[in-house]
Amino acid sequence: MKIKTEQIDRLVDRLMKAYQAKELIMLKAKEHEVRAKIKEIITRNFHEEEVIEEEARQMLASHAGQVKEMDHYKMFLLIKQKLAQKRGFIL
């Protein structure tokens, strides 16, 4: 899934505001450092998902002749799910 840096920034802002409003977090580091770490983790997560999606596309393409009668999108999702599960990645 492609996501823009601005979208990640907005997501980090919403997470921080929501967690602080509900007093779910107590910062032990400077807020900008916490925000940067959250952004790094989210960015890495989206990148990992993109890698899984690309591998699923390649697998689907290599078996395209064998799955003519099946819905390609459903097959893509199934392959993506299996790859993610195999890697311990939560979608």
PDB file of N, CA and C in Angstrom:
ATOM      1  N   MET A   1       0.854  -1.175   0.000  1.00  0.00           N
ATOM      2  CA  MET A   1       0.000   0.000   0.000  1.00  0.00           C
ATOM      3  C   MET A   1       0.897   1.234   0.000  1.00  0.00           C
ATOM      4  N   LYS A   2       0.669   2.098  -0.941  1.00  0.00           N
ATOM      5  CA  LYS A   2       1.436   3.343  -1.024  1.00  0.00           C
ATOM      6  C   LYS A   2       0.782   4.379  -0.115  1.00  0.00           C
ATOM      7  N   ILE A   3       1.616   5.052   0.650  1.00  0.00           N
ATOM      8  CA  ILE A   3       1.112   6.099   1.538  1.00  0.00           C
ATOM      9  C   ILE A   3       2.115   7.250   1.508  1.00  0.00           C
ATOM     10  N   LYS A   4       1.605   8.450   1.506  1.00  0.00           N
ATOM     11  CA  LYS A   4       2.451   9.641   1.436  1.00  0.00           C
ATOM     12  C   LYS A   4       2.950  10.011   2.825  1.00  0.00           C
ATOM     13  N   THR A   5       4.084  10.691   2.844  1.00  0.00           N
ATOM     14  CA  THR A   5       4.682  11.150   4.098  1.00  0.00           C
ATOM     15  C   THR A   5       3.708  12.030   4.876  1.00  0.00           C
ATOM     16  N   GLU A   6       2.960  12.864   4.161  1.00  0.00           N
ATOM     17  CA  GLU A   6       2.000  13.756   4.821  1.00  0.00           C
ATOM     18  C   GLU A   6       0.902  12.951   5.527  1.00  0.00           C
ATOM     19  N   GLN A   7       0.504  11.852   4.910  1.00  0.00           N
ATOM     20  CA  GLN A   7      -0.526  11.007   5.521  1.00  0.00           C
ATOM     21  C   GLN A   7       0.003  10.349   6.794  1.00  0.00           C
ATOM     22  N   ILE A   8       1.247   9.924   6.759  1.00  0.00           N
ATOM     23  CA  ILE A   8       1.855   9.328   7.950  1.00  0.00           C
ATOM     24  C   ILE A   8       1.967  10.375   9.049  1.00  0.00           C
ATOM     25  N   ASP A   9       2.362  11.598   8.684  1.00  0.00           N
ATOM     26  CA  ASP A   9       2.459  12.678   9.670  1.00  0.00           C
ATOM     27  C   ASP A   9       1.107  12.933  10.340  1.00  0.00           C
ATOM     28  N   ARG A  10       0.040  12.951   9.534  1.00  0.00           N
ATOM     29  CA  ARG A  10      -1.303  13.159  10.100  1.00  0.00           C
ATOM     30  C   ARG A  10      -1.698  12.002  11.014  1.00  0.00           C
ATOM     31  N   LEU A  11      -1.340  10.794  10.620  1.00  0.00           N
ATOM     32  CA  LEU A  11      -1.637   9.623  11.443  1.00  0.00           C
ATOM     33  C   LEU A  11      -0.910   9.705  12.784  1.00  0.00           C
ATOM     34  N   VAL A  12       0.352  10.083  12.747  1.00  0.00           N
ATOM     35  CA  VAL A  12       1.134  10.241  13.981  1.00  0.00           C
ATOM     36  C   VAL A  12       0.505  11.309  14.865  1.00  0.00           C
ATOM     37  N   ASP A  13       0.105  12.438  14.272  1.00  0.00           N
ATOM     38  CA  ASP A  13      -0.543  13.505  15.041  1.00  0.00           C
ATOM     39  C   ASP A  13      -1.808  12.996  15.725  1.00  0.00           C
ATOM     40  N   ARG A  14      -2.632  12.286  14.971  1.00  0.00           N
ATOM     41  CA  ARG A  14      -3.887  11.769  15.541  1.00  0.00           C
ATOM     42  C   ARG A  14      -3.633  10.762  16.653  1.00  0.00           C
ATOM     43  N   LEU A  15      -2.661   9.891  16.449  1.00  0.00           N
ATOM     44  CA  LEU A  15      -2.330   8.908  17.484  1.00  0.00           C
ATOM     45  C   LEU A  15      -1.859   9.593  18.763  1.00  0.00           C
ATOM     46  N   MET A  16      -0.936  10.527  18.601  1.00  0.00           N
ATOM     47  CA  MET A  16      -0.396  11.223  19.769  1.00  0.00           C
ATOM     48  C   MET A  16      -1.491  11.978  20.515  1.00  0.00           C
ATOM     49  N   LYS A  17      -2.324  12.711  19.789  1.00  0.00           N
ATOM     50  CA  LYS A  17      -3.394  13.476  20.429  1.00  0.00           C
ATOM     51  C   LYS A  17      -4.380  12.562  21.141  1.00  0.00           C
ATOM     52  N   ALA A  18      -4.761  11.479  20.488  1.00  0.00           N
ATOM     53  CA  ALA A  18      -5.731  10.555  21.085  1.00  0.00           C
ATOM     54  C   ALA A  18      -5.153   9.888  22.329  1.00  0.00           C
ATOM     55  N   TYR A  19      -3.919   9.431  22.243  1.00  0.00           N
ATOM     56  CA  TYR A  19      -3.302   8.755  23.390  1.00  0.00           C
ATOM     57  C   TYR A  19      -3.077   9.720  24.550  1.00  0.00           C
ATOM     58  N   GLN A  20      -2.678  10.947  24.241  1.00  0.00           N
ATOM     59  CA  GLN A  20      -2.460  11.929  25.295  1.00  0.00           C
ATOM     60  C   GLN A  20      -3.781  12.363  25.920  1.00  0.00           C
ATOM     61  N   ALA A  21      -4.818  12.519  25.111  1.00  0.00           N
ATOM     62  CA  ALA A  21      -6.128  12.932  25.633  1.00  0.00           C
ATOM     63  C   ALA A  21      -6.691  11.889  26.590  1.00  0.00           C
ATOM     64  N   LYS A  22      -6.442  10.631  26.298  1.00  0.00           N
ATOM     65  CA  LYS A  22      -6.947   9.547  27.151  1.00  0.00           C
ATOM     66  C   LYS A  22      -5.933   9.123  28.211  1.00  0.00           C
ATOM     67  N   GLU A  23      -4.824   9.854  28.245  1.00  0.00           N
ATOM     68  CA  GLU A  23      -3.750   9.579  29.196  1.00  0.00           C
ATOM     69  C   GLU A  23      -3.286   8.129  29.120  1.00  0.00           C
ATOM     70  N   LEU A  24      -3.124   7.645  27.894  1.00  0.00           N
ATOM     71  CA  LEU A  24      -2.665   6.280  27.673  1.00  0.00           C
ATOM     72  C   LEU A  24      -1.147   6.189  27.586  1.00  0.00           C
ATOM     73  N   ILE A  25      -0.507   7.346  27.414  1.00  0.00           N
ATOM     74  CA  ILE A  25       0.951   7.357  27.363  1.00  0.00           C
ATOM     75  C   ILE A  25       1.491   8.449  28.269  1.00  0.00           C
ATOM     76  N   MET A  26       2.677   8.194  28.761  1.00  0.00           N
ATOM     77  CA  MET A  26       3.393   9.180  29.550  1.00  0.00           C
ATOM     78  C   MET A  26       4.790   9.252  28.937  1.00  0.00           C
ATOM     79  N   LEU A  27       5.107  10.365  28.346  1.00  0.00           N
ATOM     80  CA  LEU A  27       6.358  10.487  27.610  1.00  0.00           C
ATOM     81  C   LEU A  27       7.562  10.548  28.536  1.00  0.00           C
ATOM     82  N   LYS A  28       8.558   9.712  28.210  1.00  0.00           N
ATOM     83  CA  LYS A  28       9.819   9.729  28.942  1.00  0.00           C
ATOM     84  C   LYS A  28      10.917  10.362  28.091  1.00  0.00           C
ATOM     85  N   ALA A  29      10.556  10.684  26.860  1.00  0.00           N
ATOM     86  CA  ALA A  29      11.475  11.356  25.936  1.00  0.00           C
ATOM     87  C   ALA A  29      10.761  12.595  25.404  1.00  0.00           C
ATOM     88  N   LYS A  30      11.493  13.388  24.668  1.00  0.00           N
ATOM     89  CA  LYS A  30      10.889  14.589  24.084  1.00  0.00           C
ATOM     90  C   LYS A  30       9.842  14.176  23.058  1.00  0.00           C
ATOM     91  N   GLU A  31       8.782  14.985  22.978  1.00  0.00           N
ATOM     92  CA  GLU A  31       7.663  14.632  22.100  1.00  0.00           C
ATOM     93  C   GLU A  31       8.098  14.466  20.649  1.00  0.00           C
ATOM     94  N   HIS A  32       8.979  15.326  20.166  1.00  0.00           N
ATOM     95  CA  HIS A  32       9.403  15.207  18.763  1.00  0.00           C
ATOM     96  C   HIS A  32      10.178  13.908  18.515  1.00  0.00           C
ATOM     97  N   GLU A  33      10.875  13.414  19.543  1.00  0.00           N
ATOM     98  CA  GLU A  33      11.591  12.143  19.408  1.00  0.00           C
ATOM     99  C   GLU A  33      10.608  10.974  19.347  1.00  0.00           C
ATOM    100  N   VAL A  34       9.572  11.048  20.169  1.00  0.00           N
ATOM    101  CA  VAL A  34       8.545  10.004  20.176  1.00  0.00           C
ATOM    102  C   VAL A  34       7.814   9.995  18.837  1.00  0.00           C
ATOM    103  N   ARG A  35       7.460  11.173  18.361  1.00  0.00           N
ATOM    104  CA  ARG A  35       6.778  11.278  17.060  1.00  0.00           C
ATOM    105  C   ARG A  35       7.651  10.705  15.940  1.00  0.00           C
ATOM    106  N   ALA A  36       8.936  11.007  15.972  1.00  0.00           N
ATOM    107  CA  ALA A  36       9.855  10.510  14.942  1.00  0.00           C
ATOM    108  C   ALA A  36       9.944   8.985  14.979  1.00  0.00           C
ATOM    109  N   LYS A  37       9.971   8.423  16.173  1.00  0.00           N
ATOM    110  CA  LYS A  37      10.046   6.963  16.311  1.00  0.00           C
ATOM    111  C   LYS A  37       8.763   6.299  15.813  1.00  0.00           C
ATOM    112  N   ILE A  38       7.617   6.878  16.156  1.00  0.00           N
ATOM    113  CA  ILE A  38       6.335   6.339  15.685  1.00  0.00           C
ATOM    114  C   ILE A  38       6.287   6.396  14.163  1.00  0.00           C
ATOM    115  N   LYS A  39       6.722   7.510  13.602  1.00  0.00           N
ATOM    116  CA  LYS A  39       6.729   7.665  12.142  1.00  0.00           C
ATOM    117  C   LYS A  39       7.641   6.627  11.497  1.00  0.00           C
ATOM    118  N   GLU A  40       8.785   6.400  12.091  1.00  0.00           N
ATOM    119  CA  GLU A  40       9.730   5.408  11.575  1.00  0.00           C
ATOM    120  C   GLU A  40       9.109   4.007  11.576  1.00  0.00           C
ATOM    121  N   ILE A  41       8.444   3.662  12.657  1.00  0.00           N
ATOM    122  CA  ILE A  41       7.825   2.338  12.777  1.00  0.00           C
ATOM    123  C   ILE A  41       6.698   2.168  11.761  1.00  0.00           C
ATOM    124  N   ILE A  42       5.855   3.173  11.636  1.00  0.00           N
ATOM    125  CA  ILE A  42       4.738   3.102  10.681  1.00  0.00           C
ATOM    126  C   ILE A  42       5.272   3.011   9.252  1.00  0.00           C
ATOM    127  N   THR A  43       6.280   3.810   8.932  1.00  0.00           N
ATOM    128  CA  THR A  43       6.872   3.789   7.598  1.00  0.00           C
ATOM    129  C   THR A  43       7.457   2.414   7.294  1.00  0.00           C
ATOM    130  N   ARG A  44       8.171   1.843   8.245  1.00  0.00           N
ATOM    131  CA  ARG A  44       8.758   0.514   8.067  1.00  0.00           C
ATOM    132  C   ARG A  44       7.670  -0.534   7.853  1.00  0.00           C
ATOM    133  N   ASN A  45       6.574  -0.412   8.609  1.00  0.00           N
ATOM    134  CA  ASN A  45       5.466  -1.351   8.487  1.00  0.00           C
ATOM    135  C   ASN A  45       4.849  -1.295   7.094  1.00  0.00           C
ATOM    136  N   PHE A  46       4.603  -0.096   6.592  1.00  0.00           N
ATOM    137  CA  PHE A  46       4.035   0.036   5.249  1.00  0.00           C
ATOM    138  C   PHE A  46       5.000  -0.495   4.192  1.00  0.00           C
ATOM    139  N   HIS A  47       6.293  -0.277   4.395  1.00  0.00           N
ATOM    140  CA  HIS A  47       7.282  -0.790   3.450  1.00  0.00           C
ATOM    141  C   HIS A  47       7.263  -2.322   3.436  1.00  0.00           C
ATOM    142  N   GLU A  48       7.208  -2.931   4.610  1.00  0.00           N
ATOM    143  CA  GLU A  48       7.154  -4.393   4.697  1.00  0.00           C
ATOM    144  C   GLU A  48       5.919  -4.927   3.977  1.00  0.00           C
ATOM    145  N   GLU A  49       4.797  -4.234   4.134  1.00  0.00           N
ATOM    146  CA  GLU A  49       3.576  -4.661   3.455  1.00  0.00           C
ATOM    147  C   GLU A  49       3.733  -4.533   1.936  1.00  0.00           C
ATOM    148  N   GLU A  50       4.383  -3.484   1.473  1.00  0.00           N
ATOM    149  CA  GLU A  50       4.620  -3.312   0.036  1.00  0.00           C
ATOM    150  C   GLU A  50       5.473  -4.450  -0.519  1.00  0.00           C
ATOM    151  N   VAL A  51       6.478  -4.871   0.244  1.00  0.00           N
ATOM    152  CA  VAL A  51       7.337  -5.979  -0.178  1.00  0.00           C
ATOM    153  C   VAL A  51       6.511  -7.260  -0.296  1.00  0.00           C
ATOM    154  N   ILE A  52       5.655  -7.513   0.675  1.00  0.00           N
ATOM    155  CA  ILE A  52       4.786  -8.693   0.643  1.00  0.00           C
ATOM    156  C   ILE A  52       3.841  -8.621  -0.548  1.00  0.00           C
ATOM    157  N   GLU A  53       3.259  -7.456  -0.797  1.00  0.00           N
ATOM    158  CA  GLU A  53       2.346  -7.295  -1.933  1.00  0.00           C
ATOM    159  C   GLU A  53       3.058  -7.551  -3.258  1.00  0.00           C
ATOM    160  N   GLU A  54       4.269  -7.054  -3.392  1.00  0.00           N
ATOM    161  CA  GLU A  54       5.022  -7.261  -4.633  1.00  0.00           C
ATOM    162  C   GLU A  54       5.330  -8.742  -4.830  1.00  0.00           C
ATOM    163  N   GLU A  55       5.718  -9.414  -3.778  1.00  0.00           N
ATOM    164  CA  GLU A  55       5.987 -10.851  -3.875  1.00  0.00           C
ATOM    165  C   GLU A  55       4.714 -11.615  -4.240  1.00  0.00           C
ATOM    166  N   ALA A  56       3.589 -11.210  -3.675  1.00  0.00           N
ATOM    167  CA  ALA A  56       2.304 -11.847  -3.996  1.00  0.00           C
ATOM    168  C   ALA A  56       1.958 -11.625  -5.466  1.00  0.00           C
ATOM    169  N   ARG A  57       2.197 -10.429  -5.975  1.00  0.00           N
ATOM    170  CA  ARG A  57       1.928 -10.141  -7.394  1.00  0.00           C
ATOM    171  C   ARG A  57       2.791 -11.018  -8.302  1.00  0.00           C
ATOM    172  N   GLN A  58       4.063 -11.161  -7.927  1.00  0.00           N
ATOM    173  CA  GLN A  58       4.970 -11.983  -8.723  1.00  0.00           C
ATOM    174  C   GLN A  58       4.541 -13.444  -8.713  1.00  0.00           C
ATOM    175  N   MET A  59       4.150 -13.937  -7.556  1.00  0.00           N
ATOM    176  CA  MET A  59       3.690 -15.326  -7.467  1.00  0.00           C
ATOM    177  C   MET A  59       2.430 -15.532  -8.297  1.00  0.00           C
ATOM    178  N   LEU A  60       1.517 -14.591  -8.218  1.00  0.00           N
ATOM    179  CA  LEU A  60       0.272 -14.682  -8.980  1.00  0.00           C
ATOM    180  C   LEU A  60       0.563 -14.648 -10.483  1.00  0.00           C
ATOM    181  N   ALA A  61       1.470 -13.781 -10.888  1.00  0.00           N
ATOM    182  CA  ALA A  61       1.823 -13.678 -12.308  1.00  0.00           C
ATOM    183  C   ALA A  61       2.482 -14.959 -12.811  1.00  0.00           C
ATOM    184  N   SER A  62       3.319 -15.562 -11.983  1.00  0.00           N
ATOM    185  CA  SER A  62       4.009 -16.779 -12.413  1.00  0.00           C
ATOM    186  C   SER A  62       3.066 -17.976 -12.508  1.00  0.00           C
ATOM    187  N   HIS A  63       1.913 -17.911 -11.836  1.00  0.00           N
ATOM    188  CA  HIS A  63       0.935 -19.002 -11.872  1.00  0.00           C
ATOM    189  C   HIS A  63      -0.340 -18.589 -12.600  1.00  0.00           C
ATOM    190  N   ALA A  64      -0.264 -17.516 -13.363  1.00  0.00           N
ATOM    191  CA  ALA A  64      -1.460 -16.971 -14.021  1.00  0.00           C
ATOM    192  C   ALA A  64      -2.134 -17.990 -14.932  1.00  0.00           C
ATOM    193  N   GLY A  65      -1.356 -18.803 -15.608  1.00  0.00           N
ATOM    194  CA  GLY A  65      -1.927 -19.802 -16.504  1.00  0.00           C
ATOM    195  C   GLY A  65      -2.707 -20.877 -15.777  1.00  0.00           C
ATOM    196  N   GLN A  66      -2.362 -21.129 -14.534  1.00  0.00           N
ATOM    197  CA  GLN A  66      -3.006 -22.189 -13.759  1.00  0.00           C
ATOM    198  C   GLN A  66      -4.275 -21.719 -13.062  1.00  0.00           C
ATOM    199  N   VAL A  67      -4.436 -20.426 -12.912  1.00  0.00           N
ATOM    200  CA  VAL A  67      -5.584 -19.900 -12.160  1.00  0.00           C
ATOM    201  C   VAL A  67      -6.481 -19.019 -13.033  1.00  0.00           C
ATOM    202  N   LYS A  68      -6.696 -19.436 -14.255  1.00  0.00           N
ATOM    203  CA  LYS A  68      -7.488 -18.635 -15.191  1.00  0.00           C
ATOM    204  C   LYS A  68      -8.924 -18.432 -14.721  1.00  0.00           C
ATOM    205  N   GLU A  69      -9.504 -19.449 -14.127  1.00  0.00           N
ATOM    206  CA  GLU A  69     -10.917 -19.385 -13.758  1.00  0.00           C
ATOM    207  C   GLU A  69     -11.163 -18.749 -12.394  1.00  0.00           C
ATOM    208  N   MET A  70     -10.108 -18.430 -11.688  1.00  0.00           N
ATOM    209  CA  MET A  70     -10.268 -17.872 -10.347  1.00  0.00           C
ATOM    210  C   MET A  70     -10.180 -16.350 -10.384  1.00  0.00           C
ATOM    211  N   ASP A  71     -10.776 -15.725  -9.417  1.00  0.00           N
ATOM    212  CA  ASP A  71     -10.731 -14.274  -9.270  1.00  0.00           C
ATOM    213  C   ASP A  71      -9.306 -13.871  -8.866  1.00  0.00           C
ATOM    214  N   HIS A  72      -8.639 -13.101  -9.723  1.00  0.00           N
ATOM    215  CA  HIS A  72      -7.247 -12.730  -9.466  1.00  0.00           C
ATOM    216  C   HIS A  72      -7.089 -11.916  -8.186  1.00  0.00           C
ATOM    217  N   TYR A  73      -8.034 -11.047  -7.907  1.00  0.00           N
ATOM    218  CA  TYR A  73      -7.917 -10.227  -6.697  1.00  0.00           C
ATOM    219  C   TYR A  73      -8.034 -11.094  -5.444  1.00  0.00           C
ATOM    220  N   LYS A  74      -8.963 -12.036  -5.459  1.00  0.00           N
ATOM    221  CA  LYS A  74      -9.105 -12.937  -4.308  1.00  0.00           C
ATOM    222  C   LYS A  74      -7.852 -13.785  -4.132  1.00  0.00           C
ATOM    223  N   MET A  75      -7.293 -14.233  -5.243  1.00  0.00           N
ATOM    224  CA  MET A  75      -6.054 -15.011  -5.179  1.00  0.00           C
ATOM    225  C   MET A  75      -4.911 -14.156  -4.638  1.00  0.00           C
ATOM    226  N   PHE A  76      -4.838 -12.911  -5.093  1.00  0.00           N
ATOM    227  CA  PHE A  76      -3.808 -11.992  -4.608  1.00  0.00           C
ATOM    228  C   PHE A  76      -3.913 -11.828  -3.094  1.00  0.00           C
ATOM    229  N   LEU A  77      -5.135 -11.601  -2.608  1.00  0.00           N
ATOM    230  CA  LEU A  77      -5.335 -11.429  -1.164  1.00  0.00           C
ATOM    231  C   LEU A  77      -4.961 -12.686  -0.393  1.00  0.00           C
ATOM    232  N   LEU A  78      -5.314 -13.846  -0.933  1.00  0.00           N
ATOM    233  CA  LEU A  78      -4.990 -15.110  -0.272  1.00  0.00           C
ATOM    234  C   LEU A  78      -3.478 -15.317  -0.208  1.00  0.00           C
ATOM    235  N   ILE A  79      -2.799 -15.073  -1.318  1.00  0.00           N
ATOM    236  CA  ILE A  79      -1.340 -15.213  -1.344  1.00  0.00           C
ATOM    237  C   ILE A  79      -0.700 -14.217  -0.383  1.00  0.00           C
ATOM    238  N   LYS A  80      -1.182 -12.987  -0.404  1.00  0.00           N
ATOM    239  CA  LYS A  80      -0.650 -11.949   0.487  1.00  0.00           C
ATOM    240  C   LYS A  80      -0.832 -12.356   1.946  1.00  0.00           C
ATOM    241  N   GLN A  81      -2.003 -12.873   2.263  1.00  0.00           N
ATOM    242  CA  GLN A  81      -2.285 -13.328   3.629  1.00  0.00           C
ATOM    243  C   GLN A  81      -1.332 -14.434   4.051  1.00  0.00           C
ATOM    244  N   LYS A  82      -1.132 -15.400   3.177  1.00  0.00           N
ATOM    245  CA  LYS A  82      -0.251 -16.537   3.486  1.00  0.00           C
ATOM    246  C   LYS A  82       1.196 -16.077   3.661  1.00  0.00           C
ATOM    247  N   LEU A  83       1.653 -15.187   2.794  1.00  0.00           N
ATOM    248  CA  LEU A  83       3.015 -14.668   2.921  1.00  0.00           C
ATOM    249  C   LEU A  83       3.190 -13.899   4.226  1.00  0.00           C
ATOM    250  N   ALA A  84       2.215 -13.081   4.545  1.00  0.00           N
ATOM    251  CA  ALA A  84       2.282 -12.300   5.785  1.00  0.00           C
ATOM    252  C   ALA A  84       2.303 -13.225   6.995  1.00  0.00           C
ATOM    253  N   GLN A  85       1.451 -14.232   6.976  1.00  0.00           N
ATOM    254  CA  GLN A  85       1.380 -15.184   8.089  1.00  0.00           C
ATOM    255  C   GLN A  85       2.710 -15.921   8.244  1.00  0.00           C
ATOM    256  N   LYS A  86       3.287 -16.323   7.123  1.00  0.00           N
ATOM    257  CA  LYS A  86       4.559 -17.042   7.121  1.00  0.00           C
ATOM    258  C   LYS A  86       5.680 -16.194   7.728  1.00  0.00           C
ATOM    259  N   ARG A  87       5.609 -14.879   7.518  1.00  0.00           N
ATOM    260  CA  ARG A  87       6.637 -13.962   8.028  1.00  0.00           C
ATOM    261  C   ARG A  87       6.315 -13.403   9.407  1.00  0.00           C
ATOM    262  N   GLY A  88       5.151 -13.751   9.929  1.00  0.00           N
ATOM    263  CA  GLY A  88       4.759 -13.217  11.232  1.00  0.00           C
ATOM    264  C   GLY A  88       4.335 -11.764  11.163  1.00  0.00           C
ATOM    265  N   PHE A  89       3.894 -11.338   9.989  1.00  0.00           N
ATOM    266  CA  PHE A  89       3.476  -9.956   9.763  1.00  0.00           C
ATOM    267  C   PHE A  89       1.964  -9.872   9.894  1.00  0.00           C
ATOM    268  N   ILE A  90       1.484  -8.940  10.669  1.00  0.00           N
ATOM    269  CA  ILE A  90       0.049  -8.772  10.873  1.00  0.00           C
ATOM    270  C   ILE A  90      -0.464  -7.715   9.909  1.00  0.00           C
ATOM    271  N   LEU A  91      -1.446  -8.112   9.102  1.00  0.00           N
ATOM    272  CA  LEU A  91      -2.035  -7.177   8.133  1.00  0.00           C
ATOM    273  C   LEU A  91      -3.101  -6.337   8.794  1.00  0.00           C
TER     274      LEU A  91
END
